[in-house]
Amino acid sequence: MARQRSNLTQFAIWLRAVGRRGSTVNTYVSHVRRLLAGMSDVEDQEGLIDVFLDMSGQGQVGARVAWSAFVRFGESSGVRVTRLPKNPQPTAATSLPPVEIWLPLRQHAARNGLTPDLLRLLQWLHVTDAPVQTLDEVDFRLAKSPLGVERLAIPEAIVAPLQAWGAPEGEHAPFLPDRPGSLTPMRLRTLRKYLTAPLHELGLAVIPPAMLTD
């Protein structure tokens, strides 16, 4: 998050340097901030397209102009920024784990402040053998986490079904893939929806008693 703020600050400086002024700079930065919020990094074209297609028609016009400027800013800084296709199409749908698998993770995340942004960073290589609070937890450690969280524990009862569903191939496989066996993390937009949206919006009026966790 701090890295993103730094990028946007530098982007605003660059915009002024190439002749943009006042409200135009603020508008460009606002559009780019919104687009980046749904992306894992500046090369995440799928995330970019997802957020862009969620915008209104007028919003898309402004966002496209602002993102084109952000791409040029990246080029001037030697940073590769993904381009927005001329006619972006919806990306392939994410394969969501069964409700009995993702619902306990949702509950645990809400109680322990585990954000979708953080969970999307996790890979199986982050699992350690270090002792944790109980033998029923799996310890994850993220060196130099961009979100400021470097260690978290998730109950084995949640981790094991996710691992079985995700069928990870290699230590770089994401903890939450976009589909079983994939090396691509689940899209941030999808994670945010299923971990934070009201249950009735997800087709669940109540939490089945069998899925409740302590």
N, C-alpha and C. Protein backbone atom coordinates (compact mmCIF):
# COMPACT_ATOMS: atom_id res chain seq x y z
N MET A 1 0.82 -1.20 0.00
CA MET A 1 0.00 0.00 0.00
C MET A 1 0.85 1.25 0.00
N ALA A 2 1.91 1.25 0.79
CA ALA A 2 2.82 2.40 0.82
C ALA A 2 3.48 2.58 -0.54
N ARG A 3 3.82 1.45 -1.20
CA ARG A 3 4.43 1.51 -2.53
C ARG A 3 3.45 2.16 -3.52
N GLN A 4 2.16 1.81 -3.41
CA GLN A 4 1.18 2.37 -4.32
C GLN A 4 1.06 3.88 -4.10
N ARG A 5 1.03 4.33 -2.84
CA ARG A 5 0.96 5.77 -2.57
C ARG A 5 2.17 6.48 -3.14
N SER A 6 3.33 5.87 -3.01
CA SER A 6 4.55 6.47 -3.55
C SER A 6 4.47 6.59 -5.06
N ASN A 7 3.97 5.53 -5.73
CA ASN A 7 3.83 5.56 -7.19
C ASN A 7 2.89 6.67 -7.63
N LEU A 8 1.78 6.83 -6.90
CA LEU A 8 0.80 7.85 -7.27
C LEU A 8 1.33 9.25 -7.02
N THR A 9 2.12 9.40 -5.97
CA THR A 9 2.74 10.70 -5.72
C THR A 9 3.69 11.06 -6.86
N GLN A 10 4.50 10.09 -7.26
CA GLN A 10 5.44 10.32 -8.36
C GLN A 10 4.69 10.55 -9.67
N PHE A 11 3.58 9.86 -9.84
CA PHE A 11 2.76 10.04 -11.03
C PHE A 11 2.22 11.47 -11.10
N ALA A 12 1.75 11.98 -9.97
CA ALA A 12 1.24 13.36 -9.92
C ALA A 12 2.35 14.36 -10.27
N ILE A 13 3.54 14.11 -9.75
CA ILE A 13 4.68 14.99 -10.05
C ILE A 13 4.98 14.96 -11.55
N TRP A 14 4.96 13.76 -12.12
CA TRP A 14 5.24 13.59 -13.55
C TRP A 14 4.18 14.30 -14.39
N LEU A 15 2.91 14.19 -13.99
CA LEU A 15 1.84 14.84 -14.73
C LEU A 15 2.05 16.35 -14.79
N ARG A 16 2.43 16.93 -13.67
CA ARG A 16 2.69 18.37 -13.65
C ARG A 16 3.88 18.72 -14.53
N ALA A 17 4.86 17.82 -14.53
CA ALA A 17 6.07 18.07 -15.33
C ALA A 17 5.78 18.06 -16.83
N VAL A 18 4.74 17.30 -17.25
CA VAL A 18 4.42 17.24 -18.68
C VAL A 18 3.27 18.17 -19.04
N GLY A 19 2.93 19.05 -18.10
CA GLY A 19 1.98 20.10 -18.44
C GLY A 19 0.57 19.99 -17.93
N ARG A 20 0.27 18.93 -17.18
CA ARG A 20 -1.08 18.82 -16.61
C ARG A 20 -1.16 19.70 -15.36
N ARG A 21 -2.33 20.23 -15.09
CA ARG A 21 -2.46 21.15 -13.98
C ARG A 21 -3.71 20.88 -13.15
N GLY A 22 -3.67 21.37 -11.90
CA GLY A 22 -4.83 21.43 -11.02
C GLY A 22 -5.70 20.20 -10.95
N SER A 23 -7.00 20.40 -11.25
CA SER A 23 -7.98 19.32 -11.10
C SER A 23 -7.71 18.16 -12.05
N THR A 24 -7.07 18.43 -13.18
CA THR A 24 -6.76 17.34 -14.12
C THR A 24 -5.83 16.33 -13.48
N VAL A 25 -4.82 16.80 -12.76
CA VAL A 25 -3.89 15.91 -12.06
C VAL A 25 -4.65 15.07 -11.03
N ASN A 26 -5.50 15.72 -10.25
CA ASN A 26 -6.26 15.01 -9.22
C ASN A 26 -7.18 13.97 -9.83
N THR A 27 -7.80 14.32 -10.96
CA THR A 27 -8.72 13.39 -11.62
C THR A 27 -7.97 12.17 -12.15
N TYR A 28 -6.83 12.40 -12.80
CA TYR A 28 -6.02 11.29 -13.31
C TYR A 28 -5.59 10.36 -12.18
N VAL A 29 -5.10 10.94 -11.10
CA VAL A 29 -4.63 10.14 -9.97
C VAL A 29 -5.78 9.35 -9.37
N SER A 30 -6.96 9.97 -9.27
CA SER A 30 -8.13 9.28 -8.71
C SER A 30 -8.52 8.08 -9.57
N HIS A 31 -8.53 8.25 -10.89
CA HIS A 31 -8.87 7.14 -11.78
C HIS A 31 -7.85 6.00 -11.63
N VAL A 32 -6.59 6.34 -11.63
CA VAL A 32 -5.55 5.31 -11.54
C VAL A 32 -5.60 4.60 -10.20
N ARG A 33 -5.85 5.34 -9.14
CA ARG A 33 -5.96 4.73 -7.80
C ARG A 33 -7.08 3.69 -7.79
N ARG A 34 -8.21 4.02 -8.40
CA ARG A 34 -9.34 3.09 -8.42
C ARG A 34 -8.98 1.83 -9.21
N LEU A 35 -8.30 2.00 -10.33
CA LEU A 35 -7.92 0.84 -11.13
C LEU A 35 -6.90 -0.03 -10.40
N LEU A 36 -5.92 0.59 -9.76
CA LEU A 36 -4.90 -0.16 -9.04
C LEU A 36 -5.48 -0.95 -7.87
N ALA A 37 -6.59 -0.44 -7.31
CA ALA A 37 -7.18 -1.10 -6.14
C ALA A 37 -7.64 -2.53 -6.44
N GLY A 38 -7.92 -2.82 -7.72
CA GLY A 38 -8.35 -4.16 -8.08
C GLY A 38 -7.26 -5.01 -8.70
N MET A 39 -6.02 -4.51 -8.67
CA MET A 39 -4.90 -5.21 -9.32
C MET A 39 -3.90 -5.70 -8.28
N SER A 40 -3.26 -6.81 -8.56
CA SER A 40 -2.23 -7.32 -7.66
C SER A 40 -0.93 -6.54 -7.82
N ASP A 41 -0.67 -6.06 -9.03
CA ASP A 41 0.50 -5.22 -9.32
C ASP A 41 0.22 -4.52 -10.65
N VAL A 42 1.16 -3.68 -11.10
CA VAL A 42 0.91 -2.88 -12.30
C VAL A 42 0.93 -3.69 -13.59
N GLU A 43 1.24 -4.98 -13.51
CA GLU A 43 1.23 -5.84 -14.70
C GLU A 43 0.02 -6.76 -14.73
N ASP A 44 -0.88 -6.61 -13.78
CA ASP A 44 -2.06 -7.47 -13.67
C ASP A 44 -3.16 -7.00 -14.61
N GLN A 45 -3.12 -7.45 -15.86
CA GLN A 45 -4.09 -6.98 -16.85
C GLN A 45 -5.50 -7.48 -16.55
N GLU A 46 -5.64 -8.70 -16.03
CA GLU A 46 -6.96 -9.23 -15.72
C GLU A 46 -7.64 -8.36 -14.67
N GLY A 47 -6.90 -8.01 -13.62
CA GLY A 47 -7.47 -7.16 -12.58
C GLY A 47 -7.85 -5.80 -13.13
N LEU A 48 -7.01 -5.25 -14.00
CA LEU A 48 -7.28 -3.95 -14.63
C LEU A 48 -8.58 -4.00 -15.42
N ILE A 49 -8.74 -5.05 -16.22
CA ILE A 49 -9.94 -5.18 -17.05
C ILE A 49 -11.18 -5.33 -16.17
N ASP A 50 -11.08 -6.13 -15.11
CA ASP A 50 -12.23 -6.34 -14.23
C ASP A 50 -12.74 -5.02 -13.67
N VAL A 51 -11.83 -4.20 -13.14
CA VAL A 51 -12.24 -2.93 -12.55
C VAL A 51 -12.78 -1.99 -13.62
N PHE A 52 -12.09 -1.94 -14.76
CA PHE A 52 -12.50 -1.05 -15.84
C PHE A 52 -13.92 -1.36 -16.31
N LEU A 53 -14.23 -2.63 -16.49
CA LEU A 53 -15.55 -3.01 -16.99
C LEU A 53 -16.66 -2.76 -15.97
N ASP A 54 -16.30 -2.61 -14.70
CA ASP A 54 -17.28 -2.29 -13.67
C ASP A 54 -17.66 -0.82 -13.67
N MET A 55 -16.89 0.01 -14.38
CA MET A 55 -17.15 1.45 -14.39
C MET A 55 -18.27 1.79 -15.36
N SER A 56 -18.87 2.97 -15.15
CA SER A 56 -19.87 3.47 -16.08
C SER A 56 -19.19 3.86 -17.38
N GLY A 57 -19.99 4.10 -18.42
CA GLY A 57 -19.42 4.48 -19.70
C GLY A 57 -18.56 5.73 -19.63
N GLN A 58 -19.07 6.76 -18.94
CA GLN A 58 -18.31 8.00 -18.83
C GLN A 58 -17.06 7.79 -17.97
N GLY A 59 -17.21 6.97 -16.93
CA GLY A 59 -16.07 6.67 -16.08
C GLY A 59 -14.97 5.95 -16.84
N GLN A 60 -15.38 5.08 -17.77
CA GLN A 60 -14.40 4.35 -18.57
C GLN A 60 -13.60 5.29 -19.47
N VAL A 61 -14.26 6.32 -19.98
CA VAL A 61 -13.55 7.27 -20.86
C VAL A 61 -12.42 7.95 -20.09
N GLY A 62 -12.75 8.48 -18.90
CA GLY A 62 -11.75 9.15 -18.09
C GLY A 62 -10.66 8.21 -17.62
N ALA A 63 -11.08 6.99 -17.24
CA ALA A 63 -10.12 6.01 -16.73
C ALA A 63 -9.13 5.60 -17.82
N ARG A 64 -9.61 5.45 -19.04
CA ARG A 64 -8.73 5.03 -20.14
C ARG A 64 -7.66 6.10 -20.40
N VAL A 65 -8.07 7.36 -20.42
CA VAL A 65 -7.12 8.45 -20.65
C VAL A 65 -6.08 8.50 -19.53
N ALA A 66 -6.57 8.37 -18.28
CA ALA A 66 -5.67 8.43 -17.13
C ALA A 66 -4.70 7.25 -17.13
N TRP A 67 -5.21 6.05 -17.47
CA TRP A 67 -4.32 4.88 -17.46
C TRP A 67 -3.28 4.96 -18.57
N SER A 68 -3.65 5.52 -19.71
CA SER A 68 -2.67 5.70 -20.79
C SER A 68 -1.54 6.60 -20.32
N ALA A 69 -1.90 7.64 -19.56
CA ALA A 69 -0.87 8.53 -19.01
C ALA A 69 -0.01 7.78 -18.00
N PHE A 70 -0.63 6.88 -17.22
CA PHE A 70 0.12 6.11 -16.22
C PHE A 70 1.09 5.15 -16.90
N VAL A 71 0.68 4.60 -18.04
CA VAL A 71 1.58 3.72 -18.81
C VAL A 71 2.79 4.51 -19.28
N ARG A 72 2.56 5.73 -19.78
CA ARG A 72 3.67 6.56 -20.24
C ARG A 72 4.57 6.95 -19.07
N PHE A 73 3.96 7.20 -17.91
CA PHE A 73 4.74 7.50 -16.71
C PHE A 73 5.62 6.31 -16.37
N GLY A 74 5.08 5.11 -16.46
CA GLY A 74 5.86 3.91 -16.19
C GLY A 74 7.03 3.78 -17.14
N GLU A 75 6.77 4.04 -18.41
CA GLU A 75 7.84 3.96 -19.40
C GLU A 75 8.95 4.95 -19.09
N SER A 76 8.57 6.14 -18.63
CA SER A 76 9.58 7.16 -18.32
C SER A 76 10.41 6.78 -17.10
N SER A 77 9.85 5.89 -16.27
CA SER A 77 10.54 5.46 -15.05
C SER A 77 11.20 4.10 -15.20
N GLY A 78 11.05 3.48 -16.38
CA GLY A 78 11.62 2.15 -16.60
C GLY A 78 10.82 1.04 -15.95
N VAL A 79 9.52 1.30 -15.71
CA VAL A 79 8.66 0.30 -15.08
C VAL A 79 7.60 -0.14 -16.10
N ARG A 80 7.47 -1.45 -16.27
CA ARG A 80 6.47 -1.96 -17.21
C ARG A 80 5.09 -1.94 -16.56
N VAL A 81 4.18 -1.21 -17.20
CA VAL A 81 2.79 -1.13 -16.74
C VAL A 81 1.91 -1.74 -17.83
N THR A 82 1.05 -2.66 -17.46
CA THR A 82 0.21 -3.31 -18.45
C THR A 82 -0.69 -2.31 -19.15
N ARG A 83 -0.95 -2.53 -20.41
CA ARG A 83 -1.81 -1.64 -21.17
C ARG A 83 -3.26 -2.12 -21.12
N LEU A 84 -4.17 -1.19 -21.25
CA LEU A 84 -5.59 -1.52 -21.30
C LEU A 84 -5.95 -1.81 -22.75
N PRO A 85 -6.44 -3.01 -23.05
CA PRO A 85 -6.78 -3.34 -24.44
C PRO A 85 -7.82 -2.38 -25.01
N LYS A 86 -7.82 -2.23 -26.33
CA LYS A 86 -8.76 -1.33 -26.98
C LYS A 86 -10.20 -1.76 -26.73
N ASN A 87 -10.45 -3.05 -26.82
CA ASN A 87 -11.80 -3.58 -26.57
C ASN A 87 -11.71 -4.69 -25.52
N PRO A 88 -11.54 -4.32 -24.25
CA PRO A 88 -11.35 -5.33 -23.20
C PRO A 88 -12.58 -6.22 -23.05
N GLN A 89 -12.33 -7.50 -22.89
CA GLN A 89 -13.39 -8.48 -22.69
C GLN A 89 -13.30 -9.04 -21.28
N PRO A 90 -14.45 -9.45 -20.71
CA PRO A 90 -14.40 -10.06 -19.37
C PRO A 90 -13.45 -11.24 -19.34
N THR A 91 -12.68 -11.34 -18.28
CA THR A 91 -11.73 -12.45 -18.15
C THR A 91 -12.46 -13.72 -17.75
N ALA A 92 -11.78 -14.84 -17.88
CA ALA A 92 -12.38 -16.14 -17.54
C ALA A 92 -12.83 -16.15 -16.09
N ALA A 93 -13.95 -16.78 -15.86
CA ALA A 93 -14.49 -16.81 -14.51
C ALA A 93 -13.59 -17.59 -13.56
N THR A 94 -13.54 -17.11 -12.34
CA THR A 94 -12.79 -17.80 -11.30
C THR A 94 -13.58 -19.01 -10.82
N SER A 95 -12.89 -20.10 -10.54
CA SER A 95 -13.52 -21.28 -9.97
C SER A 95 -13.45 -21.18 -8.46
N LEU A 96 -14.58 -20.91 -7.83
CA LEU A 96 -14.59 -20.70 -6.38
C LEU A 96 -14.66 -22.03 -5.64
N PRO A 97 -13.96 -22.15 -4.51
CA PRO A 97 -14.07 -23.37 -3.71
C PRO A 97 -15.51 -23.56 -3.25
N PRO A 98 -15.91 -24.78 -2.91
CA PRO A 98 -17.25 -25.02 -2.37
C PRO A 98 -17.49 -24.16 -1.13
N VAL A 99 -18.75 -23.84 -0.88
CA VAL A 99 -19.09 -22.93 0.22
C VAL A 99 -18.58 -23.44 1.56
N GLU A 100 -18.57 -24.76 1.75
CA GLU A 100 -18.11 -25.29 3.04
C GLU A 100 -16.61 -25.07 3.24
N ILE A 101 -15.89 -24.71 2.18
CA ILE A 101 -14.46 -24.42 2.28
C ILE A 101 -14.21 -22.92 2.46
N TRP A 102 -14.86 -22.06 1.64
CA TRP A 102 -14.55 -20.64 1.73
C TRP A 102 -15.25 -19.93 2.88
N LEU A 103 -16.39 -20.46 3.33
CA LEU A 103 -17.11 -19.77 4.41
C LEU A 103 -16.33 -19.76 5.73
N PRO A 104 -15.73 -20.89 6.17
CA PRO A 104 -14.91 -20.83 7.39
C PRO A 104 -13.73 -19.86 7.26
N LEU A 105 -13.13 -19.77 6.06
CA LEU A 105 -12.04 -18.82 5.86
C LEU A 105 -12.56 -17.40 6.00
N ARG A 106 -13.72 -17.13 5.47
CA ARG A 106 -14.35 -15.80 5.59
C ARG A 106 -14.54 -15.43 7.05
N GLN A 107 -15.06 -16.37 7.84
CA GLN A 107 -15.28 -16.09 9.27
C GLN A 107 -13.97 -15.83 9.99
N HIS A 108 -12.97 -16.67 9.71
CA HIS A 108 -11.67 -16.51 10.36
C HIS A 108 -11.02 -15.18 9.97
N ALA A 109 -11.12 -14.83 8.69
CA ALA A 109 -10.52 -13.59 8.20
C ALA A 109 -11.17 -12.38 8.88
N ALA A 110 -12.48 -12.42 9.02
CA ALA A 110 -13.19 -11.29 9.63
C ALA A 110 -12.81 -11.12 11.10
N ARG A 111 -12.65 -12.23 11.81
CA ARG A 111 -12.33 -12.15 13.25
C ARG A 111 -10.88 -11.74 13.49
N ASN A 112 -10.01 -12.01 12.53
CA ASN A 112 -8.58 -11.80 12.76
C ASN A 112 -7.96 -10.71 11.88
N GLY A 113 -8.80 -9.95 11.18
CA GLY A 113 -8.29 -8.84 10.39
C GLY A 113 -7.46 -9.25 9.19
N LEU A 114 -7.74 -10.42 8.62
CA LEU A 114 -7.01 -10.87 7.43
C LEU A 114 -7.73 -10.32 6.20
N THR A 115 -7.12 -9.36 5.54
CA THR A 115 -7.76 -8.72 4.40
C THR A 115 -7.62 -9.54 3.13
N PRO A 116 -8.51 -9.34 2.16
CA PRO A 116 -8.35 -10.02 0.87
C PRO A 116 -7.00 -9.72 0.23
N ASP A 117 -6.52 -8.48 0.37
CA ASP A 117 -5.23 -8.10 -0.21
C ASP A 117 -4.10 -8.95 0.38
N LEU A 118 -4.18 -9.20 1.68
CA LEU A 118 -3.15 -10.00 2.34
C LEU A 118 -3.24 -11.47 1.93
N LEU A 119 -4.44 -12.02 1.96
CA LEU A 119 -4.61 -13.43 1.63
C LEU A 119 -4.19 -13.72 0.18
N ARG A 120 -4.36 -12.73 -0.69
CA ARG A 120 -3.99 -12.93 -2.09
C ARG A 120 -2.47 -13.04 -2.27
N LEU A 121 -1.71 -12.51 -1.31
CA LEU A 121 -0.25 -12.57 -1.39
C LEU A 121 0.30 -13.94 -1.02
N LEU A 122 -0.46 -14.72 -0.25
CA LEU A 122 0.07 -15.96 0.30
C LEU A 122 0.35 -17.01 -0.76
N GLN A 123 1.50 -17.63 -0.60
CA GLN A 123 1.86 -18.79 -1.42
C GLN A 123 2.23 -19.92 -0.47
N TRP A 124 2.28 -21.14 -1.00
CA TRP A 124 2.59 -22.27 -0.13
C TRP A 124 4.02 -22.23 0.38
N LEU A 125 4.89 -21.48 -0.30
CA LEU A 125 6.27 -21.35 0.18
C LEU A 125 6.33 -20.55 1.48
N HIS A 126 5.24 -19.83 1.81
CA HIS A 126 5.23 -19.04 3.05
C HIS A 126 4.92 -19.87 4.29
N VAL A 127 4.55 -21.14 4.10
CA VAL A 127 4.30 -22.00 5.25
C VAL A 127 5.63 -22.38 5.89
N THR A 128 5.70 -22.26 7.20
CA THR A 128 6.93 -22.60 7.92
C THR A 128 6.66 -23.72 8.90
N ASP A 129 7.74 -24.25 9.45
CA ASP A 129 7.62 -25.28 10.48
C ASP A 129 7.76 -24.69 11.88
N ALA A 130 7.75 -23.36 11.94
CA ALA A 130 7.91 -22.71 13.24
C ALA A 130 6.72 -23.00 14.14
N PRO A 131 6.95 -23.15 15.45
CA PRO A 131 5.84 -23.41 16.36
C PRO A 131 4.89 -22.21 16.42
N VAL A 132 3.60 -22.49 16.49
CA VAL A 132 2.60 -21.44 16.60
C VAL A 132 1.80 -21.67 17.88
N GLN A 133 0.69 -20.98 18.01
CA GLN A 133 -0.04 -21.02 19.27
C GLN A 133 -0.50 -22.43 19.63
N THR A 134 -0.98 -23.16 18.64
CA THR A 134 -1.42 -24.53 18.89
C THR A 134 -0.95 -25.40 17.72
N LEU A 135 -1.01 -26.69 17.93
CA LEU A 135 -0.62 -27.62 16.87
C LEU A 135 -1.67 -27.68 15.77
N ASP A 136 -2.82 -27.03 16.00
CA ASP A 136 -3.89 -27.07 15.01
C ASP A 136 -3.87 -25.87 14.08
N GLU A 137 -2.76 -25.11 14.07
CA GLU A 137 -2.66 -23.94 13.20
C GLU A 137 -1.48 -24.10 12.24
N VAL A 138 -1.61 -23.48 11.09
CA VAL A 138 -0.54 -23.46 10.10
C VAL A 138 0.07 -22.07 10.10
N ASP A 139 1.38 -21.99 10.18
CA ASP A 139 2.09 -20.72 10.28
C ASP A 139 2.55 -20.24 8.91
N PHE A 140 2.20 -19.01 8.58
CA PHE A 140 2.64 -18.39 7.33
C PHE A 140 3.54 -17.22 7.66
N ARG A 141 4.64 -17.09 6.95
CA ARG A 141 5.53 -15.94 7.13
C ARG A 141 5.84 -15.31 5.78
N LEU A 142 5.67 -13.98 5.70
CA LEU A 142 5.92 -13.24 4.47
C LEU A 142 7.06 -12.27 4.73
N ALA A 143 8.20 -12.52 4.13
CA ALA A 143 9.33 -11.61 4.31
C ALA A 143 9.08 -10.31 3.55
N LYS A 144 9.27 -9.19 4.23
CA LYS A 144 9.11 -7.87 3.62
C LYS A 144 7.74 -7.72 2.96
N SER A 145 6.70 -8.06 3.70
CA SER A 145 5.35 -7.94 3.17
C SER A 145 5.02 -6.48 2.86
N PRO A 146 4.49 -6.20 1.65
CA PRO A 146 4.12 -4.82 1.32
C PRO A 146 2.96 -4.30 2.15
N LEU A 147 2.25 -5.20 2.82
CA LEU A 147 1.11 -4.79 3.63
C LEU A 147 1.46 -4.67 5.11
N GLY A 148 2.72 -4.88 5.44
CA GLY A 148 3.16 -4.70 6.82
C GLY A 148 2.88 -5.87 7.74
N VAL A 149 2.27 -6.94 7.24
CA VAL A 149 2.01 -8.13 8.06
C VAL A 149 2.98 -9.21 7.61
N GLU A 150 3.77 -9.70 8.54
CA GLU A 150 4.80 -10.67 8.15
C GLU A 150 4.54 -12.07 8.69
N ARG A 151 3.56 -12.22 9.56
CA ARG A 151 3.28 -13.55 10.09
C ARG A 151 1.80 -13.68 10.42
N LEU A 152 1.21 -14.81 10.07
CA LEU A 152 -0.17 -15.08 10.44
C LEU A 152 -0.37 -16.58 10.56
N ALA A 153 -1.31 -16.95 11.38
CA ALA A 153 -1.63 -18.36 11.59
C ALA A 153 -3.08 -18.60 11.19
N ILE A 154 -3.30 -19.66 10.44
CA ILE A 154 -4.64 -20.03 10.00
C ILE A 154 -4.91 -21.46 10.45
N PRO A 155 -6.08 -21.72 11.04
CA PRO A 155 -6.37 -23.07 11.52
C PRO A 155 -6.19 -24.15 10.46
N GLU A 156 -5.62 -25.25 10.87
CA GLU A 156 -5.41 -26.39 9.97
C GLU A 156 -6.73 -26.85 9.36
N ALA A 157 -7.84 -26.73 10.12
CA ALA A 157 -9.15 -27.16 9.64
C ALA A 157 -9.61 -26.32 8.44
N ILE A 158 -9.05 -25.12 8.29
CA ILE A 158 -9.36 -24.28 7.14
C ILE A 158 -8.35 -24.52 6.02
N VAL A 159 -7.08 -24.64 6.39
CA VAL A 159 -6.01 -24.77 5.40
C VAL A 159 -6.08 -26.08 4.63
N ALA A 160 -6.30 -27.19 5.33
CA ALA A 160 -6.28 -28.51 4.68
C ALA A 160 -7.30 -28.64 3.54
N PRO A 161 -8.58 -28.26 3.75
CA PRO A 161 -9.53 -28.36 2.64
C PRO A 161 -9.17 -27.44 1.47
N LEU A 162 -8.63 -26.24 1.77
CA LEU A 162 -8.23 -25.34 0.71
C LEU A 162 -7.08 -25.92 -0.11
N GLN A 163 -6.15 -26.60 0.59
CA GLN A 163 -5.03 -27.21 -0.10
C GLN A 163 -5.50 -28.36 -0.98
N ALA A 164 -6.43 -29.14 -0.47
CA ALA A 164 -6.95 -30.27 -1.25
C ALA A 164 -7.70 -29.77 -2.48
N TRP A 165 -8.46 -28.68 -2.32
CA TRP A 165 -9.22 -28.13 -3.45
C TRP A 165 -8.28 -27.48 -4.47
N GLY A 166 -7.31 -26.69 -3.98
CA GLY A 166 -6.44 -25.94 -4.88
C GLY A 166 -5.42 -26.78 -5.60
N ALA A 167 -5.13 -27.99 -5.09
CA ALA A 167 -4.15 -28.89 -5.72
C ALA A 167 -2.90 -28.15 -6.15
N PRO A 168 -2.21 -27.49 -5.21
CA PRO A 168 -1.04 -26.68 -5.59
C PRO A 168 0.08 -27.51 -6.21
N GLU A 169 0.68 -26.95 -7.26
CA GLU A 169 1.81 -27.60 -7.93
C GLU A 169 3.05 -26.73 -7.73
N GLY A 170 3.83 -27.06 -6.72
CA GLY A 170 5.03 -26.29 -6.45
C GLY A 170 4.83 -25.28 -5.35
N GLU A 171 5.94 -24.85 -4.74
CA GLU A 171 5.85 -23.96 -3.59
C GLU A 171 5.40 -22.55 -3.96
N HIS A 172 5.50 -22.18 -5.23
CA HIS A 172 5.07 -20.85 -5.64
C HIS A 172 3.58 -20.79 -5.97
N ALA A 173 2.90 -21.89 -5.81
CA ALA A 173 1.45 -21.89 -6.05
C ALA A 173 0.77 -21.01 -5.01
N PRO A 174 -0.23 -20.22 -5.42
CA PRO A 174 -0.92 -19.35 -4.47
C PRO A 174 -1.78 -20.14 -3.49
N PHE A 175 -1.91 -19.62 -2.29
CA PHE A 175 -2.77 -20.22 -1.28
C PHE A 175 -4.21 -20.25 -1.77
N LEU A 176 -4.61 -19.20 -2.49
CA LEU A 176 -5.96 -19.12 -3.04
C LEU A 176 -5.84 -18.91 -4.56
N PRO A 177 -5.78 -19.99 -5.35
CA PRO A 177 -5.66 -19.87 -6.81
C PRO A 177 -6.99 -19.52 -7.45
N ASP A 178 -6.93 -19.06 -8.71
CA ASP A 178 -8.17 -18.73 -9.39
C ASP A 178 -8.93 -19.97 -9.85
N ARG A 179 -8.25 -21.09 -9.83
CA ARG A 179 -8.89 -22.38 -10.12
C ARG A 179 -7.92 -23.48 -9.70
N PRO A 180 -8.38 -24.69 -9.40
CA PRO A 180 -7.49 -25.75 -8.95
C PRO A 180 -6.31 -25.97 -9.89
N GLY A 181 -5.11 -26.05 -9.29
CA GLY A 181 -3.90 -26.32 -10.06
C GLY A 181 -3.28 -25.10 -10.71
N SER A 182 -3.93 -23.94 -10.60
CA SER A 182 -3.43 -22.73 -11.25
C SER A 182 -2.32 -22.06 -10.44
N LEU A 183 -1.42 -21.38 -11.14
CA LEU A 183 -0.38 -20.59 -10.48
C LEU A 183 -0.77 -19.12 -10.41
N THR A 184 -2.00 -18.81 -10.80
CA THR A 184 -2.50 -17.44 -10.75
C THR A 184 -3.38 -17.26 -9.52
N PRO A 185 -3.12 -16.25 -8.70
CA PRO A 185 -3.94 -16.04 -7.50
C PRO A 185 -5.38 -15.68 -7.89
N MET A 186 -6.29 -15.96 -7.00
CA MET A 186 -7.67 -15.56 -7.21
C MET A 186 -7.73 -14.04 -7.37
N ARG A 187 -8.59 -13.58 -8.25
CA ARG A 187 -8.69 -12.15 -8.50
C ARG A 187 -9.11 -11.41 -7.23
N LEU A 188 -8.52 -10.26 -7.04
CA LEU A 188 -8.78 -9.47 -5.84
C LEU A 188 -10.25 -9.11 -5.74
N ARG A 189 -10.84 -8.79 -6.85
CA ARG A 189 -12.27 -8.44 -6.86
C ARG A 189 -13.12 -9.58 -6.34
N THR A 190 -12.79 -10.81 -6.77
CA THR A 190 -13.55 -11.98 -6.32
C THR A 190 -13.34 -12.23 -4.84
N LEU A 191 -12.08 -12.13 -4.39
CA LEU A 191 -11.79 -12.33 -2.97
C LEU A 191 -12.55 -11.34 -2.11
N ARG A 192 -12.52 -10.08 -2.50
CA ARG A 192 -13.22 -9.06 -1.72
C ARG A 192 -14.71 -9.34 -1.64
N LYS A 193 -15.26 -9.80 -2.75
CA LYS A 193 -16.70 -10.10 -2.77
C LYS A 193 -17.05 -11.21 -1.79
N TYR A 194 -16.33 -12.32 -1.88
CA TYR A 194 -16.72 -13.48 -1.08
C TYR A 194 -16.24 -13.43 0.36
N LEU A 195 -15.31 -12.55 0.66
CA LEU A 195 -14.86 -12.45 2.04
C LEU A 195 -15.49 -11.28 2.79
N THR A 196 -16.10 -10.34 2.08
CA THR A 196 -16.63 -9.16 2.78
C THR A 196 -18.07 -8.81 2.44
N ALA A 197 -18.59 -9.25 1.32
CA ALA A 197 -19.96 -8.88 0.95
C ALA A 197 -20.98 -9.53 1.88
N PRO A 198 -22.13 -8.88 2.10
CA PRO A 198 -23.18 -9.50 2.92
C PRO A 198 -23.57 -10.86 2.37
N LEU A 199 -23.83 -11.79 3.26
CA LEU A 199 -24.12 -13.16 2.83
C LEU A 199 -25.31 -13.25 1.88
N HIS A 200 -26.32 -12.38 2.08
CA HIS A 200 -27.49 -12.48 1.22
C HIS A 200 -27.16 -12.14 -0.22
N GLU A 201 -26.09 -11.33 -0.43
CA GLU A 201 -25.67 -11.02 -1.79
C GLU A 201 -24.95 -12.19 -2.46
N LEU A 202 -24.56 -13.15 -1.63
CA LEU A 202 -23.86 -14.33 -2.15
C LEU A 202 -24.79 -15.53 -2.22
N GLY A 203 -26.07 -15.29 -1.99
CA GLY A 203 -27.03 -16.37 -2.07
C GLY A 203 -27.15 -17.19 -0.80
N LEU A 204 -26.61 -16.67 0.33
CA LEU A 204 -26.70 -17.36 1.60
C LEU A 204 -27.47 -16.48 2.58
N ALA A 205 -28.66 -16.90 2.93
CA ALA A 205 -29.46 -16.12 3.87
C ALA A 205 -28.92 -16.25 5.29
N VAL A 206 -28.50 -17.48 5.64
CA VAL A 206 -27.95 -17.73 6.98
C VAL A 206 -26.76 -18.65 6.84
N ILE A 207 -25.93 -18.69 7.87
CA ILE A 207 -24.79 -19.60 7.88
C ILE A 207 -25.26 -20.96 8.39
N PRO A 208 -25.12 -22.00 7.60
CA PRO A 208 -25.50 -23.33 8.06
C PRO A 208 -24.76 -23.66 9.36
N PRO A 209 -25.46 -24.18 10.38
CA PRO A 209 -24.83 -24.48 11.67
C PRO A 209 -23.59 -25.36 11.53
N ALA A 210 -23.59 -26.29 10.59
CA ALA A 210 -22.45 -27.20 10.44
C ALA A 210 -21.19 -26.47 10.00
N MET A 211 -21.35 -25.23 9.46
CA MET A 211 -20.20 -24.48 8.96
C MET A 211 -19.66 -23.48 9.97
N LEU A 212 -20.34 -23.32 11.08
CA LEU A 212 -19.89 -22.37 12.08
C LEU A 212 -18.60 -22.87 12.72
N THR A 213 -17.65 -21.96 12.93
CA THR A 213 -16.40 -22.32 13.59
C THR A 213 -16.31 -21.60 14.91
N ASP A 214 -15.51 -22.14 15.80
CA ASP A 214 -15.37 -21.51 17.11
C ASP A 214 -14.57 -20.22 17.01
